[in-house]
Amino acid sequence: MKSQTVIRGEDQDFRQFRAAMQRSVLPRLDRAFQSLFERAKCGETPGFPCFKGRNRGIRSLDNPEPMIRDGPLQVKVASVASSS
């Protein structure tokens, strides 16, 4: 995702979150806008995608980099923010 690379290079706040987690959010946002334009094209009320309050919407983030070790099941989950 070239646009993500450009933004991460220019914006320090954006850079503090792990790239893998950002990659999981961007396709969802893209699908929301694709649906908006598809509804507008069909003549329906588009309903602009909006950011939802704390008690609505997505309740979890995808973490594509879990780590499982041998022995008793241990799962290590990376933190949301990277340590820079």
C-alpha atoms as a PDB file:
ATOM      1  CA  MET A   1       0.000   0.000   0.000  1.00  0.00           C
ATOM      2  CA  LYS A   2       2.048   2.832  -1.354  1.00  0.00           C
ATOM      3  CA  SER A   3      -0.139   5.588   0.140  1.00  0.00           C
ATOM      4  CA  GLN A   4       0.369   4.125   3.612  1.00  0.00           C
ATOM      5  CA  THR A   5       4.142   4.203   3.110  1.00  0.00           C
ATOM      6  CA  VAL A   6       4.017   7.859   2.079  1.00  0.00           C
ATOM      7  CA  ILE A   7       1.854   8.844   5.054  1.00  0.00           C
ATOM      8  CA  ARG A   8       4.057   6.909   7.504  1.00  0.00           C
ATOM      9  CA  GLY A   9       7.095   8.739   6.129  1.00  0.00           C
ATOM     10  CA  GLU A  10       5.529  12.171   6.585  1.00  0.00           C
ATOM     11  CA  ASP A  11       3.416  11.876   9.741  1.00  0.00           C
ATOM     12  CA  GLN A  12       5.063  10.868  13.013  1.00  0.00           C
ATOM     13  CA  ASP A  13       1.701  10.327  14.768  1.00  0.00           C
ATOM     14  CA  PHE A  14       0.619   7.903  12.053  1.00  0.00           C
ATOM     15  CA  ARG A  15       3.972   6.111  12.347  1.00  0.00           C
ATOM     16  CA  GLN A  16       3.501   5.267  16.042  1.00  0.00           C
ATOM     17  CA  PHE A  17       0.984   2.488  15.238  1.00  0.00           C
ATOM     18  CA  ARG A  18       2.076  -0.805  13.744  1.00  0.00           C
ATOM     19  CA  ALA A  19       1.869  -0.941   9.948  1.00  0.00           C
ATOM     20  CA  ALA A  20       0.259  -4.398   9.988  1.00  0.00           C
ATOM     21  CA  MET A  21      -2.660  -3.115  12.052  1.00  0.00           C
ATOM     22  CA  GLN A  22      -3.066  -0.119   9.761  1.00  0.00           C
ATOM     23  CA  ARG A  23      -3.140  -2.460   6.771  1.00  0.00           C
ATOM     24  CA  SER A  24      -6.133  -4.243   8.284  1.00  0.00           C
ATOM     25  CA  VAL A  25      -8.070  -0.978   8.713  1.00  0.00           C
ATOM     26  CA  LEU A  26      -7.442   0.512   5.266  1.00  0.00           C
ATOM     27  CA  PRO A  27      -9.324  -2.204   3.289  1.00  0.00           C
ATOM     28  CA  ARG A  28     -12.367  -1.737   5.565  1.00  0.00           C
ATOM     29  CA  LEU A  29     -12.300   1.994   4.920  1.00  0.00           C
ATOM     30  CA  ASP A  30     -11.881   1.383   1.187  1.00  0.00           C
ATOM     31  CA  ARG A  31     -14.903  -0.970   1.143  1.00  0.00           C
ATOM     32  CA  ALA A  32     -16.987   1.652   2.964  1.00  0.00           C
ATOM     33  CA  PHE A  33     -16.230   4.256   0.301  1.00  0.00           C
ATOM     34  CA  GLN A  34     -16.757   1.763  -2.548  1.00  0.00           C
ATOM     35  CA  SER A  35     -20.202   1.003  -1.118  1.00  0.00           C
ATOM     36  CA  LEU A  36     -20.963   4.726  -0.843  1.00  0.00           C
ATOM     37  CA  PHE A  37     -20.177   5.324  -4.519  1.00  0.00           C
ATOM     38  CA  GLU A  38     -22.055   2.178  -5.592  1.00  0.00           C
ATOM     39  CA  ARG A  39     -25.193   3.335  -3.734  1.00  0.00           C
ATOM     40  CA  ALA A  40     -24.895   6.813  -5.282  1.00  0.00           C
ATOM     41  CA  LYS A  41     -24.480   5.265  -8.739  1.00  0.00           C
ATOM     42  CA  CYS A  42     -27.663   3.200  -8.247  1.00  0.00           C
ATOM     43  CA  GLY A  43     -29.618   6.321  -7.258  1.00  0.00           C
ATOM     44  CA  GLU A  44     -29.969   5.342  -3.599  1.00  0.00           C
ATOM     45  CA  THR A  45     -29.221   7.605  -0.643  1.00  0.00           C
ATOM     46  CA  PRO A  46     -25.461   7.121  -0.320  1.00  0.00           C
ATOM     47  CA  GLY A  47     -25.029   7.537   3.444  1.00  0.00           C
ATOM     48  CA  PHE A  48     -21.519   8.907   3.874  1.00  0.00           C
ATOM     49  CA  PRO A  49     -19.212   6.600   5.919  1.00  0.00           C
ATOM     50  CA  CYS A  50     -18.667   8.083   9.362  1.00  0.00           C
ATOM     51  CA  PHE A  51     -16.505   7.440  12.363  1.00  0.00           C
ATOM     52  CA  LYS A  52     -18.570   5.823  15.067  1.00  0.00           C
ATOM     53  CA  GLY A  53     -18.627   6.546  18.753  1.00  0.00           C
ATOM     54  CA  ARG A  54     -16.936   4.419  21.374  1.00  0.00           C
ATOM     55  CA  ASN A  55     -19.991   2.189  21.910  1.00  0.00           C
ATOM     56  CA  ARG A  56     -20.666   1.526  18.222  1.00  0.00           C
ATOM     57  CA  GLY A  57     -18.863  -0.030  15.319  1.00  0.00           C
ATOM     58  CA  ILE A  58     -15.758  -2.184  15.280  1.00  0.00           C
ATOM     59  CA  ARG A  59     -14.906  -3.543  18.702  1.00  0.00           C
ATOM     60  CA  SER A  60     -11.570  -5.130  17.845  1.00  0.00           C
ATOM     61  CA  LEU A  61      -8.487  -4.668  15.710  1.00  0.00           C
ATOM     62  CA  ASP A  62      -6.922  -7.344  13.564  1.00  0.00           C
ATOM     63  CA  ASN A  63      -3.459  -8.424  14.565  1.00  0.00           C
ATOM     64  CA  PRO A  64      -1.989 -10.391  11.677  1.00  0.00           C
ATOM     65  CA  GLU A  65       1.213 -11.219  13.557  1.00  0.00           C
ATOM     66  CA  PRO A  66       0.347 -13.499  16.495  1.00  0.00           C
ATOM     67  CA  MET A  67       3.072 -15.794  17.787  1.00  0.00           C
ATOM     68  CA  ILE A  68       2.414 -19.271  19.223  1.00  0.00           C
ATOM     69  CA  ARG A  69       5.126 -21.188  21.087  1.00  0.00           C
ATOM     70  CA  ASP A  70       5.596 -24.900  21.876  1.00  0.00           C
ATOM     71  CA  GLY A  71       4.609 -26.352  25.230  1.00  0.00           C
ATOM     72  CA  PRO A  72       1.654 -24.931  27.079  1.00  0.00           C
ATOM     73  CA  LEU A  73      -0.241 -22.745  24.664  1.00  0.00           C
ATOM     74  CA  GLN A  74       1.144 -19.224  24.793  1.00  0.00           C
ATOM     75  CA  VAL A  75       0.052 -16.499  22.446  1.00  0.00           C
ATOM     76  CA  LYS A  76       2.072 -13.327  22.242  1.00  0.00           C
ATOM     77  CA  VAL A  77       0.199 -10.365  20.814  1.00  0.00           C
ATOM     78  CA  ALA A  78       2.088  -7.310  19.644  1.00  0.00           C
ATOM     79  CA  SER A  79       1.181  -3.999  21.236  1.00  0.00           C
ATOM     80  CA  VAL A  80      -0.935  -1.507  19.317  1.00  0.00           C
ATOM     81  CA  ALA A  81       1.778   1.165  19.270  1.00  0.00           C
ATOM     82  CA  SER A  82       5.257   0.422  18.068  1.00  0.00           C
ATOM     83  CA  SER A  83       8.221   1.231  20.254  1.00  0.00           C
ATOM     84  CA  SER A  84      10.268   3.808  18.373  1.00  0.00           C
END
